[in-house]
């Protein structure tokens, strides 16, 4: 039988040990968000399943996005060489990256399209991100972010 690491490469899906390692990396930096039962669905006679909702809206930036950004950053082999985080976003991903940058004490630049709500831009700036508003779509902003990176 192949090792967990080998299986992960073959399937492209994370193994249980990958998930546990990620949880250990991010635990100090993310909130443990509650799960609630969606009672109306559970009480419906025709449905034999239960539905639970994880309230990631209570996460520090209002979505689950910091989980992935922090995990990626903290799993880099040489995190000390990271000088800046650069990404393109319509909002929530950028907030996750800006938060991860704050945690790691590195600057961040977030490229957003002109369609990004002003409230998202304001939140990005509150996380000390340099925000570049350019392009009519995420694709346009992403091209600029890739060029900058």
C-alpha atoms as a PDB file:
ATOM      1  CA  UNK A   1       0.000   0.000   0.000  1.00  0.00           C
ATOM      2  CA  UNK A   2       1.318   3.486  -0.900  1.00  0.00           C
ATOM      3  CA  UNK A   3       1.973   6.139   1.716  1.00  0.00           C
ATOM      4  CA  UNK A   4      -0.499   8.962   2.448  1.00  0.00           C
ATOM      5  CA  UNK A   5       1.766  11.468   0.680  1.00  0.00           C
ATOM      6  CA  UNK A   6       2.037   9.229  -2.376  1.00  0.00           C
ATOM      7  CA  UNK A   7      -1.738   8.653  -2.467  1.00  0.00           C
ATOM      8  CA  UNK A   8      -2.347  12.401  -2.275  1.00  0.00           C
ATOM      9  CA  UNK A   9      -0.181  12.978  -5.352  1.00  0.00           C
ATOM     10  CA  UNK A  10      -1.833  10.152  -7.261  1.00  0.00           C
ATOM     11  CA  UNK A  11      -5.423  11.181  -6.538  1.00  0.00           C
ATOM     12  CA  UNK A  12      -4.846  14.895  -6.193  1.00  0.00           C
ATOM     13  CA  UNK A  13      -7.103  14.831  -3.134  1.00  0.00           C
ATOM     14  CA  UNK A  14      -5.854  15.569   0.374  1.00  0.00           C
ATOM     15  CA  UNK A  15      -5.349  12.631   2.691  1.00  0.00           C
ATOM     16  CA  UNK A  16      -6.501  12.513   6.289  1.00  0.00           C
ATOM     17  CA  UNK A  17      -2.947  13.284   7.397  1.00  0.00           C
ATOM     18  CA  UNK A  18      -2.875  16.294   5.015  1.00  0.00           C
ATOM     19  CA  UNK A  19      -6.074  17.579   6.598  1.00  0.00           C
ATOM     20  CA  UNK A  20      -4.771  17.075  10.122  1.00  0.00           C
ATOM     21  CA  UNK A  21      -1.519  18.875   9.272  1.00  0.00           C
ATOM     22  CA  UNK A  22      -3.470  21.793   7.773  1.00  0.00           C
ATOM     23  CA  UNK A  23      -5.715  21.995  10.836  1.00  0.00           C
ATOM     24  CA  UNK A  24      -2.660  22.139  13.092  1.00  0.00           C
ATOM     25  CA  UNK A  25      -1.108  24.933  10.979  1.00  0.00           C
ATOM     26  CA  UNK A  26      -4.200  27.159  10.917  1.00  0.00           C
ATOM     27  CA  UNK A  27      -5.703  26.562  14.374  1.00  0.00           C
ATOM     28  CA  UNK A  28      -3.893  29.454  16.099  1.00  0.00           C
ATOM     29  CA  UNK A  29      -5.101  31.939  13.473  1.00  0.00           C
ATOM     30  CA  UNK A  30      -8.719  31.074  12.695  1.00  0.00           C
ATOM     31  CA  UNK A  31     -11.831  30.967  14.811  1.00  0.00           C
ATOM     32  CA  UNK A  32     -13.513  27.705  15.672  1.00  0.00           C
ATOM     33  CA  UNK A  33     -16.874  28.486  14.126  1.00  0.00           C
ATOM     34  CA  UNK A  34     -20.096  26.905  15.361  1.00  0.00           C
ATOM     35  CA  UNK A  35     -22.259  24.475  13.460  1.00  0.00           C
ATOM     36  CA  UNK A  36     -26.020  24.683  13.680  1.00  0.00           C
ATOM     37  CA  UNK A  37     -28.697  22.253  12.688  1.00  0.00           C
ATOM     38  CA  UNK A  38     -31.058  23.269   9.935  1.00  0.00           C
ATOM     39  CA  UNK A  39     -34.045  22.012  11.920  1.00  0.00           C
ATOM     40  CA  UNK A  40     -36.803  22.568   9.355  1.00  0.00           C
ATOM     41  CA  UNK A  41     -35.056  20.172   6.970  1.00  0.00           C
ATOM     42  CA  UNK A  42     -34.437  17.604   9.695  1.00  0.00           C
ATOM     43  CA  UNK A  43     -38.042  17.605  10.774  1.00  0.00           C
ATOM     44  CA  UNK A  44     -39.390  17.071   7.256  1.00  0.00           C
ATOM     45  CA  UNK A  45     -40.663  13.481   6.991  1.00  0.00           C
ATOM     46  CA  UNK A  46     -39.647  12.909   3.377  1.00  0.00           C
ATOM     47  CA  UNK A  47     -36.003  13.755   3.964  1.00  0.00           C
ATOM     48  CA  UNK A  48     -33.936  11.060   5.629  1.00  0.00           C
ATOM     49  CA  UNK A  49     -30.840  13.224   6.084  1.00  0.00           C
ATOM     50  CA  UNK A  50     -29.793  16.027   8.342  1.00  0.00           C
ATOM     51  CA  UNK A  51     -28.326  19.335   7.287  1.00  0.00           C
ATOM     52  CA  UNK A  52     -25.794  21.261   9.319  1.00  0.00           C
ATOM     53  CA  UNK A  53     -24.454  24.717   8.596  1.00  0.00           C
ATOM     54  CA  UNK A  54     -20.974  25.897   9.621  1.00  0.00           C
ATOM     55  CA  UNK A  55     -21.162  29.616  10.386  1.00  0.00           C
ATOM     56  CA  UNK A  56     -17.993  30.763   8.631  1.00  0.00           C
ATOM     57  CA  UNK A  57     -19.574  34.215   8.445  1.00  0.00           C
ATOM     58  CA  UNK A  58     -18.283  34.502  12.041  1.00  0.00           C
ATOM     59  CA  UNK A  59     -14.694  34.024  10.876  1.00  0.00           C
ATOM     60  CA  UNK A  60     -12.381  36.993  11.422  1.00  0.00           C
ATOM     61  CA  UNK A  61     -12.889  38.332   7.865  1.00  0.00           C
ATOM     62  CA  UNK A  62     -16.433  37.022   7.419  1.00  0.00           C
ATOM     63  CA  UNK A  63     -15.728  33.947   5.267  1.00  0.00           C
ATOM     64  CA  UNK A  64     -13.775  30.686   5.205  1.00  0.00           C
ATOM     65  CA  UNK A  65     -11.082  32.164   2.923  1.00  0.00           C
ATOM     66  CA  UNK A  66      -8.382  32.719   5.611  1.00  0.00           C
ATOM     67  CA  UNK A  67      -8.242  28.951   6.150  1.00  0.00           C
ATOM     68  CA  UNK A  68      -6.797  28.293   2.709  1.00  0.00           C
ATOM     69  CA  UNK A  69      -4.595  31.380   2.563  1.00  0.00           C
ATOM     70  CA  UNK A  70      -2.999  30.715   5.953  1.00  0.00           C
ATOM     71  CA  UNK A  71      -2.567  27.016   5.225  1.00  0.00           C
ATOM     72  CA  UNK A  72      -0.849  27.740   1.900  1.00  0.00           C
ATOM     73  CA  UNK A  73       1.432  30.395   3.358  1.00  0.00           C
ATOM     74  CA  UNK A  74       2.377  28.370   6.435  1.00  0.00           C
ATOM     75  CA  UNK A  75       3.029  25.217   4.403  1.00  0.00           C
ATOM     76  CA  UNK A  76       5.665  26.862   2.191  1.00  0.00           C
ATOM     77  CA  UNK A  77       9.069  25.228   2.625  1.00  0.00           C
ATOM     78  CA  UNK A  78      10.814  28.591   3.143  1.00  0.00           C
ATOM     79  CA  UNK A  79       8.230  31.027   4.478  1.00  0.00           C
ATOM     80  CA  UNK A  80      10.970  33.402   5.607  1.00  0.00           C
ATOM     81  CA  UNK A  81      11.721  34.246   1.965  1.00  0.00           C
ATOM     82  CA  UNK A  82       8.190  35.576   1.358  1.00  0.00           C
ATOM     83  CA  UNK A  83       8.486  39.316   0.797  1.00  0.00           C
ATOM     84  CA  UNK A  84       4.893  40.092  -0.212  1.00  0.00           C
ATOM     85  CA  UNK A  85       1.610  38.315  -0.957  1.00  0.00           C
ATOM     86  CA  UNK A  86      -0.036  39.295  -4.234  1.00  0.00           C
ATOM     87  CA  UNK A  87      -3.395  38.112  -5.493  1.00  0.00           C
ATOM     88  CA  UNK A  88      -6.444  39.059  -7.502  1.00  0.00           C
ATOM     89  CA  UNK A  89      -9.856  38.946  -5.907  1.00  0.00           C
ATOM     90  CA  UNK A  90     -13.410  40.142  -6.045  1.00  0.00           C
ATOM     91  CA  UNK A  91     -13.328  40.509  -2.258  1.00  0.00           C
ATOM     92  CA  UNK A  92     -13.426  37.504   0.070  1.00  0.00           C
ATOM     93  CA  UNK A  93     -10.296  35.742  -1.198  1.00  0.00           C
ATOM     94  CA  UNK A  94      -8.414  39.030  -0.996  1.00  0.00           C
ATOM     95  CA  UNK A  95      -9.548  39.447   2.594  1.00  0.00           C
ATOM     96  CA  UNK A  96      -8.266  35.976   3.424  1.00  0.00           C
ATOM     97  CA  UNK A  97      -4.895  36.731   1.832  1.00  0.00           C
ATOM     98  CA  UNK A  98      -4.655  40.153   3.509  1.00  0.00           C
ATOM     99  CA  UNK A  99      -5.391  38.524   6.872  1.00  0.00           C
ATOM    100  CA  UNK A 100      -2.776  35.801   6.244  1.00  0.00           C
ATOM    101  CA  UNK A 101      -0.248  38.508   5.357  1.00  0.00           C
ATOM    102  CA  UNK A 102      -1.040  40.332   8.578  1.00  0.00           C
ATOM    103  CA  UNK A 103      -0.574  37.132  10.602  1.00  0.00           C
ATOM    104  CA  UNK A 104       2.769  36.457   8.866  1.00  0.00           C
ATOM    105  CA  UNK A 105       3.854  40.091   9.138  1.00  0.00           C
ATOM    106  CA  UNK A 106       4.394  40.546   5.386  1.00  0.00           C
ATOM    107  CA  UNK A 107       2.818  43.170   3.130  1.00  0.00           C
ATOM    108  CA  UNK A 108       0.058  42.287   0.682  1.00  0.00           C
ATOM    109  CA  UNK A 109      -1.193  43.674  -2.588  1.00  0.00           C
ATOM    110  CA  UNK A 110      -4.683  42.796  -3.717  1.00  0.00           C
ATOM    111  CA  UNK A 111      -5.786  43.524  -7.290  1.00  0.00           C
ATOM    112  CA  UNK A 112      -9.544  43.974  -7.618  1.00  0.00           C
ATOM    113  CA  UNK A 113     -11.754  44.818 -10.594  1.00  0.00           C
ATOM    114  CA  UNK A 114     -13.694  48.064 -10.776  1.00  0.00           C
ATOM    115  CA  UNK A 115     -16.858  46.088  -9.958  1.00  0.00           C
ATOM    116  CA  UNK A 116     -15.637  45.303  -6.428  1.00  0.00           C
ATOM    117  CA  UNK A 117     -17.924  46.847  -3.800  1.00  0.00           C
ATOM    118  CA  UNK A 118     -16.458  49.825  -1.935  1.00  0.00           C
ATOM    119  CA  UNK A 119     -17.135  48.040   1.365  1.00  0.00           C
ATOM    120  CA  UNK A 120     -14.800  45.169   0.347  1.00  0.00           C
ATOM    121  CA  UNK A 121     -12.069  47.620  -0.671  1.00  0.00           C
ATOM    122  CA  UNK A 122     -12.420  49.403   2.666  1.00  0.00           C
ATOM    123  CA  UNK A 123     -12.101  46.079   4.547  1.00  0.00           C
ATOM    124  CA  UNK A 124      -9.018  45.137   2.511  1.00  0.00           C
ATOM    125  CA  UNK A 125      -7.396  48.423   3.440  1.00  0.00           C
ATOM    126  CA  UNK A 126      -8.245  47.849   7.118  1.00  0.00           C
ATOM    127  CA  UNK A 127      -6.126  44.679   6.883  1.00  0.00           C
ATOM    128  CA  UNK A 128      -3.282  46.901   5.607  1.00  0.00           C
ATOM    129  CA  UNK A 129      -3.460  45.590   2.046  1.00  0.00           C
ATOM    130  CA  UNK A 130      -2.300  47.739  -0.822  1.00  0.00           C
ATOM    131  CA  UNK A 131      -5.376  47.676  -3.053  1.00  0.00           C
ATOM    132  CA  UNK A 132      -5.069  48.154  -6.800  1.00  0.00           C
ATOM    133  CA  UNK A 133      -8.452  48.738  -8.447  1.00  0.00           C
ATOM    134  CA  UNK A 134      -8.068  47.975 -12.131  1.00  0.00           C
ATOM    135  CA  UNK A 135      -9.809  46.013 -14.843  1.00  0.00           C
ATOM    136  CA  UNK A 136     -13.419  45.383 -15.698  1.00  0.00           C
ATOM    137  CA  UNK A 137     -13.348  41.769 -14.501  1.00  0.00           C
ATOM    138  CA  UNK A 138     -11.480  39.441 -12.187  1.00  0.00           C
ATOM    139  CA  UNK A 139      -9.606  38.098 -15.232  1.00  0.00           C
ATOM    140  CA  UNK A 140      -8.229  41.586 -15.938  1.00  0.00           C
ATOM    141  CA  UNK A 141      -7.158  42.028 -12.325  1.00  0.00           C
ATOM    142  CA  UNK A 142      -5.636  38.562 -12.262  1.00  0.00           C
ATOM    143  CA  UNK A 143      -3.465  39.315 -15.305  1.00  0.00           C
ATOM    144  CA  UNK A 144      -2.155  42.419 -13.531  1.00  0.00           C
ATOM    145  CA  UNK A 145      -1.521  40.473 -10.321  1.00  0.00           C
ATOM    146  CA  UNK A 146       0.369  37.754 -12.207  1.00  0.00           C
ATOM    147  CA  UNK A 147       2.487  40.377 -13.972  1.00  0.00           C
ATOM    148  CA  UNK A 148       3.286  42.040 -10.636  1.00  0.00           C
ATOM    149  CA  UNK A 149       4.122  38.728  -8.966  1.00  0.00           C
END
